[in-house]
């Protein structure tokens, strides 16, 4: 079963709090998906921004609340939770 298969909407991911692993980094990061299109998604993560600040030095200092755009092609895995159907009907 593919969540993001043909005909599905990437909008299903928007607003989800996730844990993801990208091939661009050696570790996983927690954050929120702010927007998505057919190629990738905008990811808000203080942890990821801190890692980028370490890598880039002063390059991110001029950006206020930076978001990161990650192409789906760099995604190794993504974990998120769905509302429990029993909790939703209560």
PDB file of N, CA and C in Angstrom:
ATOM      1  N   UNK A   1       0.837  -1.176   0.000  1.00  0.00           N
ATOM      2  CA  UNK A   1       0.000   0.000   0.000  1.00  0.00           C
ATOM      3  C   UNK A   1       0.882   1.239   0.000  1.00  0.00           C
ATOM      4  N   UNK A   2       0.660   2.143  -0.910  1.00  0.00           N
ATOM      5  CA  UNK A   2       1.461   3.355  -1.016  1.00  0.00           C
ATOM      6  C   UNK A   2       0.626   4.567  -0.649  1.00  0.00           C
ATOM      7  N   UNK A   3       1.051   5.299   0.364  1.00  0.00           N
ATOM      8  CA  UNK A   3       0.342   6.504   0.778  1.00  0.00           C
ATOM      9  C   UNK A   3       0.429   7.578  -0.287  1.00  0.00           C
ATOM     10  N   UNK A   4       1.560   7.654  -0.985  1.00  0.00           N
ATOM     11  CA  UNK A   4       1.776   8.704  -1.965  1.00  0.00           C
ATOM     12  C   UNK A   4       1.794   8.167  -3.380  1.00  0.00           C
ATOM     13  N   UNK A   5       0.980   7.199  -3.656  1.00  0.00           N
ATOM     14  CA  UNK A   5       0.933   6.605  -4.985  1.00  0.00           C
ATOM     15  C   UNK A   5       0.223   7.504  -5.981  1.00  0.00           C
ATOM     16  N   UNK A   6       0.130   7.039  -7.217  1.00  0.00           N
ATOM     17  CA  UNK A   6      -0.539   7.820  -8.259  1.00  0.00           C
ATOM     18  C   UNK A   6      -1.964   8.177  -7.854  1.00  0.00           C
ATOM     19  N   UNK A   7      -2.338   9.417  -8.111  1.00  0.00           N
ATOM     20  CA  UNK A   7      -3.685   9.863  -7.806  1.00  0.00           C
ATOM     21  C   UNK A   7      -3.883  10.342  -6.387  1.00  0.00           C
ATOM     22  N   UNK A   8      -2.914  10.135  -5.511  1.00  0.00           N
ATOM     23  CA  UNK A   8      -3.071  10.604  -4.140  1.00  0.00           C
ATOM     24  C   UNK A   8      -2.568  12.031  -4.029  1.00  0.00           C
ATOM     25  N   UNK A   9      -2.999  12.721  -3.026  1.00  0.00           N
ATOM     26  CA  UNK A   9      -2.643  14.122  -2.848  1.00  0.00           C
ATOM     27  C   UNK A   9      -1.529  14.267  -1.816  1.00  0.00           C
ATOM     28  N   UNK A  10      -0.518  15.035  -2.163  1.00  0.00           N
ATOM     29  CA  UNK A  10       0.560  15.304  -1.209  1.00  0.00           C
ATOM     30  C   UNK A  10       0.072  16.215  -0.095  1.00  0.00           C
ATOM     31  N   UNK A  11      -1.073  16.816  -0.283  1.00  0.00           N
ATOM     32  CA  UNK A  11      -1.645  17.690   0.738  1.00  0.00           C
ATOM     33  C   UNK A  11      -1.974  16.925   2.017  1.00  0.00           C
ATOM     34  N   UNK A  12      -2.094  15.601   1.931  1.00  0.00           N
ATOM     35  CA  UNK A  12      -2.366  14.785   3.109  1.00  0.00           C
ATOM     36  C   UNK A  12      -1.270  14.934   4.155  1.00  0.00           C
ATOM     37  N   UNK A  13      -0.074  15.297   3.709  1.00  0.00           N
ATOM     38  CA  UNK A  13       1.060  15.423   4.626  1.00  0.00           C
ATOM     39  C   UNK A  13       1.140  16.780   5.306  1.00  0.00           C
ATOM     40  N   UNK A  14       0.531  17.791   4.727  1.00  0.00           N
ATOM     41  CA  UNK A  14       0.642  19.153   5.246  1.00  0.00           C
ATOM     42  C   UNK A  14       0.052  19.249   6.648  1.00  0.00           C
ATOM     43  N   UNK A  15       0.821  19.844   7.537  1.00  0.00           N
ATOM     44  CA  UNK A  15       0.403  20.007   8.925  1.00  0.00           C
ATOM     45  C   UNK A  15       0.764  18.844   9.826  1.00  0.00           C
ATOM     46  N   UNK A  16       1.277  17.769   9.254  1.00  0.00           N
ATOM     47  CA  UNK A  16       1.638  16.589  10.053  1.00  0.00           C
ATOM     48  C   UNK A  16       2.969  16.802  10.748  1.00  0.00           C
ATOM     49  N   UNK A  17       3.029  16.419  11.992  1.00  0.00           N
ATOM     50  CA  UNK A  17       4.272  16.363  12.753  1.00  0.00           C
ATOM     51  C   UNK A  17       4.903  15.016  12.392  1.00  0.00           C
ATOM     52  N   UNK A  18       6.137  15.039  11.930  1.00  0.00           N
ATOM     53  CA  UNK A  18       6.775  13.827  11.421  1.00  0.00           C
ATOM     54  C   UNK A  18       8.189  13.675  11.953  1.00  0.00           C
ATOM     55  N   UNK A  19       8.691  12.494  11.787  1.00  0.00           N
ATOM     56  CA  UNK A  19      10.094  12.167  12.002  1.00  0.00           C
ATOM     57  C   UNK A  19      10.568  11.645  10.662  1.00  0.00           C
ATOM     58  N   UNK A  20      11.647  12.241  10.128  1.00  0.00           N
ATOM     59  CA  UNK A  20      12.090  11.815   8.808  1.00  0.00           C
ATOM     60  C   UNK A  20      13.589  11.657   8.747  1.00  0.00           C
ATOM     61  N   UNK A  21      14.003  10.831   7.796  1.00  0.00           N
ATOM     62  CA  UNK A  21      15.418  10.611   7.502  1.00  0.00           C
ATOM     63  C   UNK A  21      15.607  10.918   6.031  1.00  0.00           C
ATOM     64  N   UNK A  22      16.505  11.863   5.769  1.00  0.00           N
ATOM     65  CA  UNK A  22      16.848  12.252   4.413  1.00  0.00           C
ATOM     66  C   UNK A  22      18.252  11.750   4.099  1.00  0.00           C
ATOM     67  N   UNK A  23      18.490  11.412   2.854  1.00  0.00           N
ATOM     68  CA  UNK A  23      19.813  10.958   2.451  1.00  0.00           C
ATOM     69  C   UNK A  23      20.850  12.075   2.559  1.00  0.00           C
ATOM     70  N   UNK A  24      20.402  13.303   2.732  1.00  0.00           N
ATOM     71  CA  UNK A  24      21.303  14.440   2.843  1.00  0.00           C
ATOM     72  C   UNK A  24      21.978  14.544   4.205  1.00  0.00           C
ATOM     73  N   UNK A  25      21.433  13.840   5.212  1.00  0.00           N
ATOM     74  CA  UNK A  25      21.950  13.909   6.582  1.00  0.00           C
ATOM     75  C   UNK A  25      22.134  12.508   7.138  1.00  0.00           C
ATOM     76  N   UNK A  26      23.013  12.394   8.111  1.00  0.00           N
ATOM     77  CA  UNK A  26      23.305  11.085   8.692  1.00  0.00           C
ATOM     78  C   UNK A  26      22.341  10.704   9.812  1.00  0.00           C
ATOM     79  N   UNK A  27      21.466  11.611  10.200  1.00  0.00           N
ATOM     80  CA  UNK A  27      20.512  11.307  11.277  1.00  0.00           C
ATOM     81  C   UNK A  27      19.118  11.793  10.911  1.00  0.00           C
ATOM     82  N   UNK A  28      18.150  11.385  11.707  1.00  0.00           N
ATOM     83  CA  UNK A  28      16.758  11.757  11.482  1.00  0.00           C
ATOM     84  C   UNK A  28      16.436  13.062  12.206  1.00  0.00           C
ATOM     85  N   UNK A  29      15.361  13.725  11.748  1.00  0.00           N
ATOM     86  CA  UNK A  29      14.924  14.981  12.338  1.00  0.00           C
ATOM     87  C   UNK A  29      13.420  14.968  12.535  1.00  0.00           C
ATOM     88  N   UNK A  30      12.968  15.611  13.619  1.00  0.00           N
ATOM     89  CA  UNK A  30      11.543  15.810  13.867  1.00  0.00           C
ATOM     90  C   UNK A  30      11.167  17.194  13.369  1.00  0.00           C
ATOM     91  N   UNK A  31       9.940  17.334  12.898  1.00  0.00           N
ATOM     92  CA  UNK A  31       9.468  18.632  12.428  1.00  0.00           C
ATOM     93  C   UNK A  31       8.053  18.529  11.889  1.00  0.00           C
ATOM     94  N   UNK A  32       7.624  19.587  11.222  1.00  0.00           N
ATOM     95  CA  UNK A  32       6.281  19.668  10.673  1.00  0.00           C
ATOM     96  C   UNK A  32       6.350  19.969   9.185  1.00  0.00           C
ATOM     97  N   UNK A  33       5.524  19.294   8.412  1.00  0.00           N
ATOM     98  CA  UNK A  33       5.448  19.561   6.982  1.00  0.00           C
ATOM     99  C   UNK A  33       4.507  20.745   6.784  1.00  0.00           C
ATOM    100  N   UNK A  34       5.046  21.840   6.261  1.00  0.00           N
ATOM    101  CA  UNK A  34       4.280  23.072   6.101  1.00  0.00           C
ATOM    102  C   UNK A  34       3.585  23.162   4.749  1.00  0.00           C
ATOM    103  N   UNK A  35       4.182  22.576   3.718  1.00  0.00           N
ATOM    104  CA  UNK A  35       3.613  22.607   2.373  1.00  0.00           C
ATOM    105  C   UNK A  35       4.199  21.452   1.582  1.00  0.00           C
ATOM    106  N   UNK A  36       3.496  21.036   0.545  1.00  0.00           N
ATOM    107  CA  UNK A  36       3.989  19.951  -0.310  1.00  0.00           C
ATOM    108  C   UNK A  36       3.510  20.162  -1.729  1.00  0.00           C
ATOM    109  N   UNK A  37       4.339  19.730  -2.670  1.00  0.00           N
ATOM    110  CA  UNK A  37       3.947  19.736  -4.074  1.00  0.00           C
ATOM    111  C   UNK A  37       4.310  18.379  -4.659  1.00  0.00           C
ATOM    112  N   UNK A  38       4.317  18.258  -5.948  1.00  0.00           N
ATOM    113  CA  UNK A  38       4.585  16.971  -6.586  1.00  0.00           C
ATOM    114  C   UNK A  38       6.048  16.540  -6.480  1.00  0.00           C
ATOM    115  N   UNK A  39       6.948  17.464  -6.187  1.00  0.00           N
ATOM    116  CA  UNK A  39       8.385  17.171  -6.169  1.00  0.00           C
ATOM    117  C   UNK A  39       8.932  17.004  -4.760  1.00  0.00           C
ATOM    118  N   UNK A  40       8.391  17.752  -3.805  1.00  0.00           N
ATOM    119  CA  UNK A  40       8.926  17.711  -2.450  1.00  0.00           C
ATOM    120  C   UNK A  40       8.037  18.431  -1.465  1.00  0.00           C
ATOM    121  N   UNK A  41       8.632  18.816  -0.337  1.00  0.00           N
ATOM    122  CA  UNK A  41       7.857  19.433   0.723  1.00  0.00           C
ATOM    123  C   UNK A  41       8.697  20.414   1.511  1.00  0.00           C
ATOM    124  N   UNK A  42       8.015  21.381   2.113  1.00  0.00           N
ATOM    125  CA  UNK A  42       8.638  22.374   2.969  1.00  0.00           C
ATOM    126  C   UNK A  42       8.561  21.847   4.395  1.00  0.00           C
ATOM    127  N   UNK A  43       9.706  21.771   5.038  1.00  0.00           N
ATOM    128  CA  UNK A  43       9.828  21.125   6.340  1.00  0.00           C
ATOM    129  C   UNK A  43      10.300  22.136   7.371  1.00  0.00           C
ATOM    130  N   UNK A  44       9.550  22.300   8.439  1.00  0.00           N
ATOM    131  CA  UNK A  44       9.918  23.208   9.526  1.00  0.00           C
ATOM    132  C   UNK A  44      10.460  22.357  10.669  1.00  0.00           C
ATOM    133  N   UNK A  45      11.736  22.555  10.985  1.00  0.00           N
ATOM    134  CA  UNK A  45      12.370  21.758  12.030  1.00  0.00           C
ATOM    135  C   UNK A  45      13.506  22.552  12.668  1.00  0.00           C
ATOM    136  N   UNK A  46      13.357  22.847  13.943  1.00  0.00           N
ATOM    137  CA  UNK A  46      14.428  23.545  14.666  1.00  0.00           C
ATOM    138  C   UNK A  46      15.692  22.693  14.700  1.00  0.00           C
ATOM    139  N   UNK A  47      15.523  21.369  14.827  1.00  0.00           N
ATOM    140  CA  UNK A  47      16.678  20.457  14.854  1.00  0.00           C
ATOM    141  C   UNK A  47      17.443  20.490  13.535  1.00  0.00           C
ATOM    142  N   UNK A  48      16.713  20.466  12.434  1.00  0.00           N
ATOM    143  CA  UNK A  48      17.342  20.485  11.119  1.00  0.00           C
ATOM    144  C   UNK A  48      18.026  21.830  10.866  1.00  0.00           C
ATOM    145  N   UNK A  49      17.395  22.913  11.276  1.00  0.00           N
ATOM    146  CA  UNK A  49      17.996  24.233  11.110  1.00  0.00           C
ATOM    147  C   UNK A  49      19.271  24.334  11.937  1.00  0.00           C
ATOM    148  N   UNK A  50      19.273  23.787  13.146  1.00  0.00           N
ATOM    149  CA  UNK A  50      20.485  23.798  13.970  1.00  0.00           C
ATOM    150  C   UNK A  50      21.610  23.023  13.277  1.00  0.00           C
ATOM    151  N   UNK A  51      21.281  21.886  12.667  1.00  0.00           N
ATOM    152  CA  UNK A  51      22.288  21.103  11.945  1.00  0.00           C
ATOM    153  C   UNK A  51      22.810  21.879  10.739  1.00  0.00           C
ATOM    154  N   UNK A  52      21.915  22.557  10.019  1.00  0.00           N
ATOM    155  CA  UNK A  52      22.338  23.366   8.869  1.00  0.00           C
ATOM    156  C   UNK A  52      23.204  24.540   9.301  1.00  0.00           C
ATOM    157  N   UNK A  53      22.893  25.132  10.450  1.00  0.00           N
ATOM    158  CA  UNK A  53      23.718  26.234  10.955  1.00  0.00           C
ATOM    159  C   UNK A  53      25.140  25.747  11.258  1.00  0.00           C
ATOM    160  N   UNK A  54      25.256  24.529  11.790  1.00  0.00           N
ATOM    161  CA  UNK A  54      26.578  23.961  12.055  1.00  0.00           C
ATOM    162  C   UNK A  54      27.357  23.768  10.764  1.00  0.00           C
ATOM    163  N   UNK A  55      26.674  23.313   9.723  1.00  0.00           N
ATOM    164  CA  UNK A  55      27.315  23.026   8.449  1.00  0.00           C
ATOM    165  C   UNK A  55      27.674  24.301   7.690  1.00  0.00           C
ATOM    166  N   UNK A  56      26.747  25.266   7.687  1.00  0.00           N
ATOM    167  CA  UNK A  56      26.913  26.449   6.842  1.00  0.00           C
ATOM    168  C   UNK A  56      27.528  27.649   7.549  1.00  0.00           C
ATOM    169  N   UNK A  57      27.704  27.559   8.836  1.00  0.00           N
ATOM    170  CA  UNK A  57      28.269  28.697   9.570  1.00  0.00           C
ATOM    171  C   UNK A  57      27.299  29.858   9.606  1.00  0.00           C
ATOM    172  N   UNK A  58      27.723  31.009   9.125  1.00  0.00           N
ATOM    173  CA  UNK A  58      26.911  32.228   9.203  1.00  0.00           C
ATOM    174  C   UNK A  58      25.896  32.376   8.077  1.00  0.00           C
ATOM    175  N   UNK A  59      25.835  31.458   7.147  1.00  0.00           N
ATOM    176  CA  UNK A  59      24.978  31.612   5.971  1.00  0.00           C
ATOM    177  C   UNK A  59      23.494  31.741   6.315  1.00  0.00           C
ATOM    178  N   UNK A  60      23.035  31.121   7.379  1.00  0.00           N
ATOM    179  CA  UNK A  60      21.611  31.168   7.731  1.00  0.00           C
ATOM    180  C   UNK A  60      21.272  32.282   8.711  1.00  0.00           C
ATOM    181  N   UNK A  61      22.251  33.027   9.170  1.00  0.00           N
ATOM    182  CA  UNK A  61      21.993  34.051  10.174  1.00  0.00           C
ATOM    183  C   UNK A  61      21.026  35.127   9.712  1.00  0.00           C
ATOM    184  N   UNK A  62      20.987  35.436   8.434  1.00  0.00           N
ATOM    185  CA  UNK A  62      20.100  36.472   7.921  1.00  0.00           C
ATOM    186  C   UNK A  62      18.679  36.015   7.676  1.00  0.00           C
ATOM    187  N   UNK A  63      18.382  34.741   7.863  1.00  0.00           N
ATOM    188  CA  UNK A  63      17.039  34.213   7.616  1.00  0.00           C
ATOM    189  C   UNK A  63      16.261  34.095   8.916  1.00  0.00           C
ATOM    190  N   UNK A  64      15.078  34.674   8.945  1.00  0.00           N
ATOM    191  CA  UNK A  64      14.211  34.590  10.110  1.00  0.00           C
ATOM    192  C   UNK A  64      13.285  33.388   9.947  1.00  0.00           C
ATOM    193  N   UNK A  65      13.336  32.457  10.861  1.00  0.00           N
ATOM    194  CA  UNK A  65      12.522  31.234  10.838  1.00  0.00           C
ATOM    195  C   UNK A  65      12.637  30.499   9.500  1.00  0.00           C
ATOM    196  N   UNK A  66      13.821  30.046   9.152  1.00  0.00           N
ATOM    197  CA  UNK A  66      13.987  29.367   7.853  1.00  0.00           C
ATOM    198  C   UNK A  66      13.229  28.043   7.784  1.00  0.00           C
ATOM    199  N   UNK A  67      12.704  27.750   6.610  1.00  0.00           N
ATOM    200  CA  UNK A  67      12.090  26.465   6.297  1.00  0.00           C
ATOM    201  C   UNK A  67      12.992  25.769   5.297  1.00  0.00           C
ATOM    202  N   UNK A  68      12.938  24.470   5.271  1.00  0.00           N
ATOM    203  CA  UNK A  68      13.773  23.691   4.367  1.00  0.00           C
ATOM    204  C   UNK A  68      12.871  22.980   3.372  1.00  0.00           C
ATOM    205  N   UNK A  69      13.219  23.070   2.087  1.00  0.00           N
ATOM    206  CA  UNK A  69      12.499  22.345   1.052  1.00  0.00           C
ATOM    207  C   UNK A  69      13.293  21.084   0.742  1.00  0.00           C
ATOM    208  N   UNK A  70      12.672  19.929   0.923  1.00  0.00           N
ATOM    209  CA  UNK A  70      13.319  18.645   0.657  1.00  0.00           C
ATOM    210  C   UNK A  70      12.599  17.933  -0.478  1.00  0.00           C
ATOM    211  N   UNK A  71      13.299  17.564  -1.529  1.00  0.00           N
ATOM    212  CA  UNK A  71      12.674  16.759  -2.579  1.00  0.00           C
ATOM    213  C   UNK A  71      12.345  15.361  -2.046  1.00  0.00           C
ATOM    214  N   UNK A  72      11.238  14.797  -2.493  1.00  0.00           N
ATOM    215  CA  UNK A  72      10.877  13.442  -2.081  1.00  0.00           C
ATOM    216  C   UNK A  72      11.983  12.444  -2.433  1.00  0.00           C
ATOM    217  N   UNK A  73      12.756  12.729  -3.460  1.00  0.00           N
ATOM    218  CA  UNK A  73      13.813  11.812  -3.890  1.00  0.00           C
ATOM    219  C   UNK A  73      14.910  11.647  -2.835  1.00  0.00           C
ATOM    220  N   UNK A  74      15.025  12.584  -1.886  1.00  0.00           N
ATOM    221  CA  UNK A  74      16.040  12.463  -0.831  1.00  0.00           C
ATOM    222  C   UNK A  74      15.499  11.763   0.411  1.00  0.00           C
ATOM    223  N   UNK A  75      14.208  11.490   0.427  1.00  0.00           N
ATOM    224  CA  UNK A  75      13.563  10.899   1.593  1.00  0.00           C
ATOM    225  C   UNK A  75      13.881   9.413   1.696  1.00  0.00           C
ATOM    226  N   UNK A  76      14.480   9.004   2.818  1.00  0.00           N
ATOM    227  CA  UNK A  76      14.739   7.581   3.060  1.00  0.00           C
ATOM    228  C   UNK A  76      13.566   6.951   3.795  1.00  0.00           C
ATOM    229  N   UNK A  77      13.055   7.642   4.817  1.00  0.00           N
ATOM    230  CA  UNK A  77      11.848   7.187   5.498  1.00  0.00           C
ATOM    231  C   UNK A  77      11.181   8.353   6.201  1.00  0.00           C
ATOM    232  N   UNK A  78       9.884   8.181   6.491  1.00  0.00           N
ATOM    233  CA  UNK A  78       9.058   9.202   7.108  1.00  0.00           C
ATOM    234  C   UNK A  78       8.090   8.513   8.059  1.00  0.00           C
ATOM    235  N   UNK A  79       8.011   8.998   9.287  1.00  0.00           N
ATOM    236  CA  UNK A  79       7.109   8.417  10.282  1.00  0.00           C
ATOM    237  C   UNK A  79       6.141   9.503  10.744  1.00  0.00           C
ATOM    238  N   UNK A  80       4.853   9.196  10.716  1.00  0.00           N
ATOM    239  CA  UNK A  80       3.840  10.087  11.269  1.00  0.00           C
ATOM    240  C   UNK A  80       2.719   9.231  11.813  1.00  0.00           C
ATOM    241  N   UNK A  81       1.868   9.831  12.615  1.00  0.00           N
ATOM    242  CA  UNK A  81       0.775   9.053  13.189  1.00  0.00           C
ATOM    243  C   UNK A  81      -0.554   9.546  12.653  1.00  0.00           C
ATOM    244  N   UNK A  82      -1.475   8.626  12.542  1.00  0.00           N
ATOM    245  CA  UNK A  82      -2.844   8.926  12.155  1.00  0.00           C
ATOM    246  C   UNK A  82      -3.688   8.870  13.415  1.00  0.00           C
ATOM    247  N   UNK A  83      -4.783   9.634  13.408  1.00  0.00           N
ATOM    248  CA  UNK A  83      -5.685   9.599  14.543  1.00  0.00           C
ATOM    249  C   UNK A  83      -6.278   8.199  14.671  1.00  0.00           C
ATOM    250  N   UNK A  84      -6.281   7.681  15.867  1.00  0.00           N
ATOM    251  CA  UNK A  84      -6.881   6.375  16.142  1.00  0.00           C
ATOM    252  C   UNK A  84      -8.369   6.450  15.844  1.00  0.00           C
ATOM    253  N   UNK A  85      -8.890   5.520  15.056  1.00  0.00           N
ATOM    254  CA  UNK A  85     -10.306   5.572  14.663  1.00  0.00           C
ATOM    255  C   UNK A  85     -11.226   5.461  15.877  1.00  0.00           C
ATOM    256  N   UNK A  86     -10.826   4.761  16.919  1.00  0.00           N
ATOM    257  CA  UNK A  86     -11.645   4.660  18.130  1.00  0.00           C
ATOM    258  C   UNK A  86     -11.688   6.003  18.840  1.00  0.00           C
ATOM    259  N   UNK A  87     -10.563   6.716  18.871  1.00  0.00           N
ATOM    260  CA  UNK A  87     -10.523   8.037  19.504  1.00  0.00           C
ATOM    261  C   UNK A  87     -11.303   9.048  18.682  1.00  0.00           C
ATOM    262  N   UNK A  88     -11.294   8.896  17.379  1.00  0.00           N
ATOM    263  CA  UNK A  88     -11.994   9.838  16.508  1.00  0.00           C
ATOM    264  C   UNK A  88     -13.501   9.726  16.659  1.00  0.00           C
ATOM    265  N   UNK A  89     -13.996   8.527  16.956  1.00  0.00           N
ATOM    266  CA  UNK A  89     -15.440   8.337  17.071  1.00  0.00           C
ATOM    267  C   UNK A  89     -15.954   8.578  18.488  1.00  0.00           C
ATOM    268  N   UNK A  90     -15.056   8.777  19.437  1.00  0.00           N
ATOM    269  CA  UNK A  90     -15.482   8.987  20.836  1.00  0.00           C
ATOM    270  C   UNK A  90     -15.989  10.376  21.068  1.00  0.00           C
TER     271      UNK A  90
END
